[in-house]
Amino acid sequence: MAIASGVWYTGSLFFVALLEEFRADHAITAGIFSLFTILYGVFGIPAGLLMDRLGPRRIILIGGLLLPLAHIGSGLAPSIWWVYLTHGLVTPLALSFAGYVPVSILITRIFQAQRGLALGIASAGVGVGILAIVPMAQYAIDLFGWRVGYFVMAALAAVVIPPVALWAIPEASGSAPAPPGPAPEPADRGGGWTLATALRSRSFWLVGATFIALNSATQLVLTHQAAYLVEAGHSRMLVAWTIGLIGLASIPGKIGWGFLSDRRWLEWIYVWGGALVIAATVTLLAVGPSTPPWILAVYGILMGLGYAVSPALCPTISARFFAGPSFGAIFGLLNTLYQLGGAAGIWLAGYAHDLTGSYRLPFLLCICSVVCSAGFAWLAAPRHAPLPGRRVR
């Protein structure tokens, strides 16, 4: 998860480098990362289906072998359209097999009583990746150029993911025995859910709308924050360390949200996380050339804690409704909706910047989208699905 997140969140650094290298406008360059996000979501469907059939080890190993090749291809790109092929097409295919979707499905099936905490701990690897890899990638870009930055990312993926797949991932991913105590309700087991019945349910589309609204907001900011801060007059290394601070703050954020999700109703957690994202966005909008670094630190902490609710809780709320034999396919499709929202936010922010010359409008829209996400979570009412080991009276 740390390597996968490093690939994802160094995108904002490569976005700035590609703007300067190929002199394309913001919308065309942002289109690479928008396409990446769309296809990452789309490829999550076959990844989930294959997880149901082949198990996690083979799927994660395939992704771990493909990811370094994709980065090497990006580093050799002769034009921006080549980067559309490598970073926009091949990289999301690799990550969909070696990242968030297979890890979330695996942990959902292994853990039951403290599933939220387990998913929070695993997703905390994202924060580790942001903290460690983003500043390192910027250092490589500053010293040797963005092409070497891609090669460094390729090397990291090659030495980490295949060994983990071979030696640490179980061959099968069947559910662990239920913990002692009251038997979970049928809604929690999700034994009757299939992809077809999920698609006909109100809950599926409200959960999907929650994912779309929140991820479109967070990915909009996380992808364009580096360009915004560089335009505001801050050094790229300071920007990279700010992004790293987001990763650091997201580690306790993801674990904390996961811990709370086993004990509190999920719609309240979405409200709390969304409030932090809004506070972070308002802080970012206040940044100017003379803004002291501690304001950037405040932004990084608020954003890290707030955005962490999105990756930490998506598999949790999905499992609360749809855990069962077909969970891989259902979660794969929900992840597609989640990533489509992110892709829309990324591209629209670039397009709005080209029209207005500023990120102010898309950042304000980000705030509106976060509010909508919390509203959809309340309409989905995950409190109606019981917490693990509890019965609803």
Protein backbone atom coordinates (compact mmCIF):
# COMPACT_ATOMS: atom_id res chain seq x y z
CA MET A 1 0.00 0.00 0.00
CA ALA A 2 2.94 2.35 0.69
CA ILE A 3 4.39 1.78 -2.79
CA ALA A 4 0.97 2.14 -4.46
CA SER A 5 0.30 5.41 -2.66
CA GLY A 6 3.76 6.69 -3.54
CA VAL A 7 2.92 6.14 -7.19
CA TRP A 8 -0.43 7.90 -6.75
CA TYR A 9 0.65 10.95 -4.77
CA THR A 10 3.87 11.68 -6.62
CA GLY A 11 1.48 12.43 -9.47
CA SER A 12 1.16 16.03 -8.28
CA LEU A 13 4.97 16.39 -8.56
CA PHE A 14 5.12 14.87 -12.03
CA PHE A 15 2.18 17.07 -13.02
CA VAL A 16 4.33 20.17 -12.45
CA ALA A 17 7.34 18.61 -14.21
CA LEU A 18 5.29 17.56 -17.24
CA LEU A 19 3.74 21.02 -17.53
CA GLU A 20 7.22 22.49 -17.87
CA GLU A 21 8.68 19.75 -20.08
CA PHE A 22 6.00 19.55 -22.77
CA ARG A 23 4.45 23.03 -22.45
CA ALA A 24 0.90 21.70 -22.69
CA ASP A 25 -1.96 23.49 -20.98
CA HIS A 26 -3.27 22.47 -17.56
CA ALA A 27 -6.31 20.60 -18.87
CA ILE A 28 -4.31 18.40 -21.28
CA THR A 29 -1.69 17.60 -18.65
CA ALA A 30 -4.30 16.98 -15.95
CA GLY A 31 -5.99 14.65 -18.44
CA ILE A 32 -3.17 12.14 -17.89
CA PHE A 33 -3.99 11.86 -14.21
CA SER A 34 -7.71 12.00 -14.85
CA LEU A 35 -7.41 9.07 -17.30
CA PHE A 36 -5.22 7.29 -14.75
CA THR A 37 -7.94 7.68 -12.11
CA ILE A 38 -10.78 6.58 -14.44
CA LEU A 39 -8.96 3.46 -15.60
CA TYR A 40 -7.81 2.64 -12.09
CA GLY A 41 -11.47 2.52 -11.18
CA VAL A 42 -12.51 0.57 -14.28
CA PHE A 43 -9.73 -1.98 -13.87
CA GLY A 44 -10.87 -2.51 -10.28
CA ILE A 45 -13.84 -4.51 -11.62
CA PRO A 46 -11.76 -7.27 -13.29
CA ALA A 47 -9.34 -7.11 -10.34
CA GLY A 48 -12.22 -7.84 -7.96
CA LEU A 49 -13.61 -10.60 -10.17
CA LEU A 50 -10.19 -12.24 -10.50
CA MET A 51 -9.66 -12.00 -6.74
CA ASP A 52 -12.86 -14.03 -6.32
CA ARG A 53 -11.47 -16.72 -8.66
CA LEU A 54 -7.67 -16.76 -8.51
CA GLY A 55 -6.89 -15.48 -5.03
CA PRO A 56 -4.78 -12.50 -4.01
CA ARG A 57 -1.23 -13.79 -4.48
CA ARG A 58 -1.36 -14.18 -8.25
CA ILE A 59 -3.21 -10.91 -8.78
CA ILE A 60 -0.85 -8.81 -6.64
CA LEU A 61 2.21 -10.45 -8.21
CA ILE A 62 1.00 -9.57 -11.72
CA GLY A 63 0.53 -5.96 -10.69
CA GLY A 64 3.92 -5.87 -8.98
CA LEU A 65 5.67 -7.05 -12.14
CA LEU A 66 3.79 -4.70 -14.43
CA LEU A 67 4.20 -1.51 -12.36
CA PRO A 68 8.00 -1.10 -12.81
CA LEU A 69 7.63 -1.56 -16.57
CA ALA A 70 5.00 1.19 -16.66
CA HIS A 71 7.26 3.63 -14.80
CA ILE A 72 10.24 2.88 -17.01
CA GLY A 73 8.04 3.60 -20.02
CA SER A 74 6.97 6.95 -18.52
CA GLY A 75 10.59 7.89 -17.89
CA LEU A 76 11.42 7.27 -21.55
CA ALA A 77 8.44 9.27 -22.88
CA PRO A 78 9.25 11.39 -25.98
CA SER A 79 5.95 13.30 -25.83
CA ILE A 80 3.05 13.97 -23.50
CA TRP A 81 0.86 11.57 -25.47
CA TRP A 82 3.30 8.78 -24.64
CA VAL A 83 2.74 9.55 -20.95
CA TYR A 84 -0.99 9.17 -21.59
CA LEU A 85 -0.21 5.58 -22.65
CA THR A 86 2.23 4.64 -19.87
CA HIS A 87 1.08 6.62 -16.82
CA GLY A 88 -2.53 7.00 -17.97
CA LEU A 89 -3.16 3.41 -19.14
CA VAL A 90 -0.56 0.87 -18.00
CA THR A 91 0.14 2.24 -14.52
CA PRO A 92 -3.51 2.10 -13.36
CA LEU A 93 -3.79 -1.46 -14.67
CA ALA A 94 -0.78 -2.43 -12.55
CA LEU A 95 -2.03 -0.59 -9.46
CA SER A 96 -5.53 -2.05 -9.71
CA PHE A 97 -3.93 -5.50 -9.37
CA ALA A 98 -1.41 -4.56 -6.67
CA GLY A 99 -3.04 -1.84 -4.59
CA TYR A 100 -6.18 -0.71 -2.86
CA VAL A 101 -8.78 -3.08 -4.31
CA PRO A 102 -7.06 -6.46 -3.72
CA VAL A 103 -5.74 -5.42 -0.30
CA SER A 104 -9.18 -4.21 0.80
CA ILE A 105 -10.89 -7.38 -0.40
CA LEU A 106 -8.27 -9.60 1.25
CA ILE A 107 -8.53 -7.88 4.65
CA THR A 108 -12.32 -7.69 4.50
CA ARG A 109 -12.46 -11.47 4.13
CA ILE A 110 -9.89 -12.24 6.81
CA PHE A 111 -11.18 -9.89 9.53
CA GLN A 112 -14.69 -9.57 10.88
CA ALA A 113 -14.97 -8.35 14.48
CA GLN A 114 -12.40 -5.52 14.06
CA ARG A 115 -12.55 -5.13 10.32
CA GLY A 116 -12.51 -1.32 10.40
CA LEU A 117 -9.36 -1.23 12.53
CA ALA A 118 -7.62 -3.79 10.28
CA LEU A 119 -8.49 -1.81 7.15
CA GLY A 120 -7.36 1.39 8.87
CA ILE A 121 -3.98 -0.11 9.71
CA ALA A 122 -3.50 -1.41 6.17
CA SER A 123 -4.52 1.88 4.60
CA ALA A 124 -2.09 3.67 6.93
CA GLY A 125 0.54 2.30 4.56
CA VAL A 126 -0.70 5.00 2.20
CA GLY A 127 0.46 7.62 4.66
CA VAL A 128 3.84 5.93 5.00
CA GLY A 129 4.21 5.99 1.23
CA ILE A 130 3.32 9.67 0.97
CA LEU A 131 5.65 10.61 3.83
CA ALA A 132 8.65 8.63 2.57
CA ILE A 133 8.28 8.49 -1.20
CA VAL A 134 6.95 11.92 -2.20
CA PRO A 135 9.90 13.95 -0.79
CA MET A 136 12.33 11.33 -2.11
CA ALA A 137 10.83 11.56 -5.59
CA GLN A 138 11.02 15.37 -5.52
CA TYR A 139 14.66 15.15 -4.42
CA ALA A 140 15.40 12.87 -7.39
CA ILE A 141 13.54 15.20 -9.75
CA ASP A 142 15.45 18.23 -8.45
CA LEU A 143 18.84 16.52 -8.80
CA PHE A 144 18.44 14.44 -11.95
CA GLY A 145 15.14 15.39 -13.64
CA TRP A 146 11.66 13.94 -13.78
CA ARG A 147 12.70 10.98 -15.96
CA VAL A 148 15.04 9.69 -13.26
CA GLY A 149 12.21 10.25 -10.78
CA TYR A 150 10.13 7.72 -12.71
CA PHE A 151 13.06 5.28 -12.78
CA VAL A 152 13.44 5.55 -8.99
CA MET A 153 9.74 4.75 -8.58
CA ALA A 154 10.16 1.75 -10.87
CA ALA A 155 13.03 0.42 -8.76
CA LEU A 156 11.04 0.77 -5.53
CA ALA A 157 8.08 -1.11 -6.96
CA ALA A 158 10.31 -3.89 -8.30
CA VAL A 159 12.08 -4.58 -5.00
CA VAL A 160 8.99 -4.41 -2.75
CA ILE A 161 5.77 -5.68 -4.34
CA PRO A 162 6.79 -9.04 -5.94
CA PRO A 163 8.54 -10.33 -2.78
CA VAL A 164 5.56 -9.30 -0.64
CA ALA A 165 3.19 -11.06 -3.05
CA LEU A 166 5.26 -14.26 -3.00
CA TRP A 167 6.10 -14.48 0.71
CA ALA A 168 3.45 -12.55 2.66
CA ILE A 169 0.18 -12.88 0.76
CA PRO A 170 -1.88 -16.05 1.30
CA GLU A 171 -2.80 -18.15 -1.70
CA ALA A 172 -6.52 -18.04 -0.89
CA SER A 173 -8.62 -15.32 0.72
CA GLY A 174 -11.58 -17.08 2.25
CA SER A 175 -13.26 -15.57 5.30
CA ALA A 176 -11.85 -16.36 8.71
CA PRO A 177 -14.12 -18.09 11.25
CA ALA A 178 -16.56 -15.78 12.97
CA PRO A 179 -15.36 -14.42 16.32
CA PRO A 180 -16.97 -15.54 19.60
CA GLY A 181 -20.18 -13.82 20.60
CA PRO A 182 -23.55 -13.20 18.95
CA ALA A 183 -23.82 -14.28 15.34
CA PRO A 184 -23.79 -11.37 12.90
CA GLU A 185 -27.01 -10.36 11.25
CA PRO A 186 -27.66 -11.39 7.63
CA ALA A 187 -27.16 -7.75 6.54
CA ASP A 188 -23.61 -7.91 7.86
CA ARG A 189 -22.82 -11.29 6.35
CA GLY A 190 -24.26 -10.21 3.03
CA GLY A 191 -24.64 -13.87 2.10
CA GLY A 192 -27.44 -13.19 -0.38
CA TRP A 193 -25.78 -10.33 -2.22
CA THR A 194 -24.79 -10.71 -5.85
CA LEU A 195 -23.61 -7.98 -8.18
CA ALA A 196 -27.04 -7.96 -9.84
CA THR A 197 -28.99 -7.59 -6.58
CA ALA A 198 -26.60 -4.89 -5.39
CA LEU A 199 -27.14 -2.89 -8.59
CA ARG A 200 -30.90 -2.98 -8.00
CA SER A 201 -30.58 -1.69 -4.44
CA ARG A 202 -30.92 1.89 -3.23
CA SER A 203 -28.03 1.37 -0.84
CA PHE A 204 -25.54 0.62 -3.62
CA TRP A 205 -26.18 3.88 -5.45
CA LEU A 206 -26.20 6.01 -2.30
CA VAL A 207 -22.90 4.47 -1.18
CA GLY A 208 -21.56 5.06 -4.68
CA ALA A 209 -22.69 8.71 -4.57
CA THR A 210 -20.93 9.12 -1.22
CA PHE A 211 -17.72 7.81 -2.75
CA ILE A 212 -17.99 9.96 -5.89
CA ALA A 213 -18.63 13.21 -4.02
CA LEU A 214 -15.85 12.77 -1.47
CA ASN A 215 -13.16 11.41 -3.79
CA SER A 216 -13.79 14.06 -6.45
CA ALA A 217 -13.09 16.71 -3.80
CA THR A 218 -10.03 15.12 -2.23
CA GLN A 219 -8.36 14.09 -5.50
CA LEU A 220 -8.97 17.55 -6.95
CA VAL A 221 -6.96 19.10 -4.14
CA LEU A 222 -4.34 16.36 -3.75
CA THR A 223 -3.48 16.36 -7.47
CA HIS A 224 -3.38 20.15 -7.96
CA GLN A 225 -2.01 21.24 -4.59
CA ALA A 226 1.63 21.18 -5.76
CA ALA A 227 0.89 23.32 -8.83
CA TYR A 228 -1.16 25.72 -6.70
CA LEU A 229 1.54 26.14 -4.06
CA VAL A 230 4.32 26.54 -6.65
CA GLU A 231 2.23 29.21 -8.39
CA ALA A 232 1.83 30.88 -4.99
CA GLY A 233 5.61 31.26 -4.83
CA HIS A 234 6.73 28.44 -2.53
CA SER A 235 9.74 26.21 -3.20
CA ARG A 236 9.12 22.77 -4.64
CA MET A 237 10.96 21.04 -1.82
CA LEU A 238 8.78 22.82 0.75
CA VAL A 239 5.74 21.72 -1.25
CA ALA A 240 7.01 18.13 -1.32
CA TRP A 241 7.50 18.15 2.46
CA THR A 242 3.99 19.58 2.87
CA ILE A 243 2.63 16.65 0.88
CA GLY A 244 4.77 14.34 3.01
CA LEU A 245 3.19 15.87 6.11
CA ILE A 246 -0.22 15.00 4.69
CA GLY A 247 0.97 11.41 4.53
CA LEU A 248 2.28 11.54 8.10
CA ALA A 249 -0.99 12.95 9.46
CA SER A 250 -3.01 10.42 7.48
CA ILE A 251 -1.38 7.49 9.32
CA PRO A 252 -3.10 8.13 12.68
CA GLY A 253 -6.07 9.43 10.71
CA LYS A 254 -6.66 6.16 8.87
CA ILE A 255 -6.07 4.01 11.94
CA GLY A 256 -8.27 6.28 14.04
CA TRP A 257 -11.14 6.37 11.56
CA GLY A 258 -10.91 2.58 11.21
CA PHE A 259 -10.97 2.15 14.98
CA LEU A 260 -13.99 4.44 15.29
CA SER A 261 -15.81 2.69 12.47
CA ASP A 262 -16.04 -0.44 14.64
CA ARG A 263 -17.71 1.61 17.38
CA ARG A 264 -19.56 4.60 15.83
CA TRP A 265 -22.06 5.05 13.02
CA LEU A 266 -20.23 5.64 9.77
CA GLU A 267 -22.22 8.68 8.66
CA TRP A 268 -20.94 10.63 11.67
CA ILE A 269 -17.37 9.71 10.76
CA TYR A 270 -17.94 11.05 7.24
CA VAL A 271 -19.16 14.32 8.75
CA TRP A 272 -16.09 14.66 10.99
CA GLY A 273 -13.67 13.80 8.19
CA GLY A 274 -15.44 16.11 5.75
CA ALA A 275 -15.24 19.00 8.21
CA LEU A 276 -11.46 18.57 8.36
CA VAL A 277 -11.19 18.50 4.55
CA ILE A 278 -13.20 21.73 4.34
CA ALA A 279 -10.98 23.36 6.98
CA ALA A 280 -7.89 22.26 5.03
CA THR A 281 -9.24 23.64 1.75
CA VAL A 282 -10.07 27.00 3.34
CA THR A 283 -6.52 27.12 4.75
CA LEU A 284 -5.08 26.33 1.31
CA LEU A 285 -7.10 29.11 -0.30
CA ALA A 286 -5.53 31.55 2.18
CA VAL A 287 -1.97 30.64 1.12
CA GLY A 288 -0.05 33.37 -0.71
CA PRO A 289 3.59 34.24 -1.52
CA SER A 290 4.29 35.60 1.97
CA THR A 291 2.48 32.82 3.87
CA PRO A 292 4.79 31.37 6.55
CA PRO A 293 5.62 27.63 6.35
CA TRP A 294 3.68 26.86 9.52
CA ILE A 295 0.43 27.67 7.70
CA LEU A 296 1.35 25.03 5.11
CA ALA A 297 2.00 22.66 8.02
CA VAL A 298 -1.50 23.37 9.40
CA TYR A 299 -2.93 22.65 5.95
CA GLY A 300 -0.97 19.39 5.71
CA ILE A 301 -2.16 18.14 9.09
CA LEU A 302 -5.81 19.04 8.46
CA MET A 303 -5.80 17.51 4.99
CA GLY A 304 -4.02 14.37 6.11
CA LEU A 305 -6.48 13.73 8.92
CA GLY A 306 -9.53 14.67 6.85
CA TYR A 307 -8.90 12.95 3.54
CA ALA A 308 -7.93 9.76 5.43
CA VAL A 309 -11.61 9.08 6.05
CA SER A 310 -12.10 8.35 2.34
CA PRO A 311 -9.69 5.43 1.71
CA ALA A 312 -10.07 4.09 5.26
CA LEU A 313 -13.86 3.86 5.24
CA CYS A 314 -14.72 2.96 1.64
CA PRO A 315 -14.10 -0.78 2.10
CA THR A 316 -15.60 -0.61 5.59
CA ILE A 317 -18.93 0.88 4.53
CA SER A 318 -18.99 -1.40 1.47
CA ALA A 319 -18.48 -4.47 3.65
CA ARG A 320 -21.09 -3.25 6.14
CA PHE A 321 -23.65 -3.58 3.35
CA PHE A 322 -22.29 -6.10 0.86
CA ALA A 323 -19.77 -8.49 2.48
CA GLY A 324 -20.16 -12.01 1.13
CA PRO A 325 -19.04 -14.35 -1.65
CA SER A 326 -19.54 -11.68 -4.34
CA PHE A 327 -17.90 -8.86 -2.38
CA GLY A 328 -14.93 -8.69 -4.76
CA ALA A 329 -17.09 -7.87 -7.78
CA ILE A 330 -19.34 -5.45 -5.84
CA PHE A 331 -16.45 -3.60 -4.25
CA GLY A 332 -14.64 -3.49 -7.59
CA LEU A 333 -17.62 -1.68 -9.14
CA LEU A 334 -17.98 0.68 -6.17
CA ASN A 335 -14.29 1.46 -6.50
CA THR A 336 -14.91 2.31 -10.15
CA LEU A 337 -17.49 4.91 -9.10
CA TYR A 338 -15.07 6.15 -6.43
CA GLN A 339 -12.29 6.65 -8.98
CA LEU A 340 -14.60 8.19 -11.60
CA GLY A 341 -15.42 10.88 -9.07
CA GLY A 342 -11.72 11.51 -8.50
CA ALA A 343 -11.04 11.66 -12.23
CA ALA A 344 -13.81 14.20 -12.77
CA GLY A 345 -12.44 16.43 -10.01
CA ILE A 346 -8.87 16.26 -11.35
CA TRP A 347 -9.79 17.19 -14.93
CA LEU A 348 -12.35 19.84 -14.03
CA ALA A 349 -9.84 21.61 -11.79
CA GLY A 350 -7.33 21.78 -14.66
CA TYR A 351 -9.99 22.99 -17.08
CA ALA A 352 -11.23 25.64 -14.63
CA HIS A 353 -7.66 26.83 -14.14
CA ASP A 354 -7.22 27.25 -17.91
CA LEU A 355 -10.44 29.29 -18.07
CA THR A 356 -9.93 31.48 -15.01
CA GLY A 357 -6.17 31.38 -14.41
CA SER A 358 -6.80 30.37 -10.80
CA TYR A 359 -7.64 27.37 -8.63
CA ARG A 360 -10.06 29.35 -6.46
CA LEU A 361 -13.25 28.18 -8.23
CA PRO A 362 -12.45 24.44 -8.21
CA PHE A 363 -11.35 24.59 -4.56
CA LEU A 364 -14.66 26.23 -3.64
CA LEU A 365 -16.49 23.50 -5.56
CA CYS A 366 -14.47 20.99 -3.57
CA ILE A 367 -16.08 22.30 -0.39
CA CYS A 368 -19.57 21.88 -1.87
CA SER A 369 -18.76 18.32 -2.95
CA VAL A 370 -17.61 17.37 0.56
CA VAL A 371 -20.90 18.62 2.00
CA CYS A 372 -22.81 16.53 -0.56
CA SER A 373 -20.77 13.46 0.40
CA ALA A 374 -21.78 13.73 4.04
CA GLY A 375 -25.41 14.12 2.97
CA PHE A 376 -25.30 10.99 0.83
CA ALA A 377 -23.75 9.03 3.71
CA TRP A 378 -26.70 10.02 5.92
CA LEU A 379 -29.18 9.00 3.23
CA ALA A 380 -27.46 5.64 2.85
CA ALA A 381 -27.84 5.30 6.65
CA PRO A 382 -25.17 2.68 7.34
CA ARG A 383 -26.37 2.73 10.96
CA HIS A 384 -29.19 0.48 9.76
CA ALA A 385 -26.59 -2.20 9.08
CA PRO A 386 -25.40 -3.60 12.44
CA LEU A 387 -21.92 -3.16 13.82
CA PRO A 388 -20.06 -6.50 13.81
CA GLY A 389 -21.18 -8.70 16.67
CA ARG A 390 -24.19 -6.52 17.55
CA ARG A 391 -27.87 -6.90 16.90
CA VAL A 392 -30.22 -4.10 15.93
CA ARG A 393 -33.31 -3.93 18.10
